[in-house]
C-alpha atoms as a PDB file:
ATOM      1  CA  MET A   1     -36.720  -4.155 -40.339  1.00  0.00           C
ATOM      2  CA  PHE A   2     -35.975  -7.812 -39.545  1.00  0.00           C
ATOM      3  CA  GLN A   3     -39.363  -8.143 -37.844  1.00  0.00           C
ATOM      4  CA  ASN A   4     -41.070  -6.728 -40.928  1.00  0.00           C
ATOM      5  CA  GLY A   5     -39.269  -9.310 -43.081  1.00  0.00           C
ATOM      6  CA  ILE A   6     -40.614 -12.132 -40.902  1.00  0.00           C
ATOM      7  CA  ILE A   7     -44.156 -10.752 -41.147  1.00  0.00           C
ATOM      8  CA  GLY A   8     -43.794 -10.477 -44.934  1.00  0.00           C
ATOM      9  CA  PHE A   9     -42.493 -14.048 -45.244  1.00  0.00           C
ATOM     10  CA  SER A  10     -45.255 -15.412 -43.032  1.00  0.00           C
ATOM     11  CA  PHE A  11     -47.867 -13.527 -45.045  1.00  0.00           C
ATOM     12  CA  LEU A  12     -46.349 -14.803 -48.293  1.00  0.00           C
ATOM     13  CA  SER A  13     -46.255 -18.409 -47.094  1.00  0.00           C
ATOM     14  CA  TYR A  14     -49.937 -18.062 -46.168  1.00  0.00           C
ATOM     15  CA  LEU A  15     -50.919 -16.326 -49.405  1.00  0.00           C
ATOM     16  CA  VAL A  16     -49.186 -18.645 -51.891  1.00  0.00           C
ATOM     17  CA  PRO A  17     -51.089 -21.872 -50.966  1.00  0.00           C
ATOM     18  CA  THR A  18     -54.356 -19.911 -50.900  1.00  0.00           C
ATOM     19  CA  VAL A  19     -53.792 -18.543 -54.404  1.00  0.00           C
ATOM     20  CA  ARG A  20     -52.722 -21.983 -55.634  1.00  0.00           C
ATOM     21  CA  TYR A  21     -55.833 -23.585 -54.124  1.00  0.00           C
ATOM     22  CA  PHE A  22     -58.052 -20.920 -55.674  1.00  0.00           C
ATOM     23  CA  TYR A  23     -56.373 -21.439 -59.062  1.00  0.00           C
ATOM     24  CA  VAL A  24     -56.905 -25.222 -58.851  1.00  0.00           C
ATOM     25  CA  CYS A  25     -60.583 -24.718 -57.985  1.00  0.00           C
ATOM     26  CA  LEU A  26     -61.069 -22.651 -61.129  1.00  0.00           C
END
């Protein structure tokens, strides 16, 4: 369960800047 939390956090920290960059480009 702890491992899954780390994967989720790492995915989130990758996804958030990508979404923010995409939003700025629009």
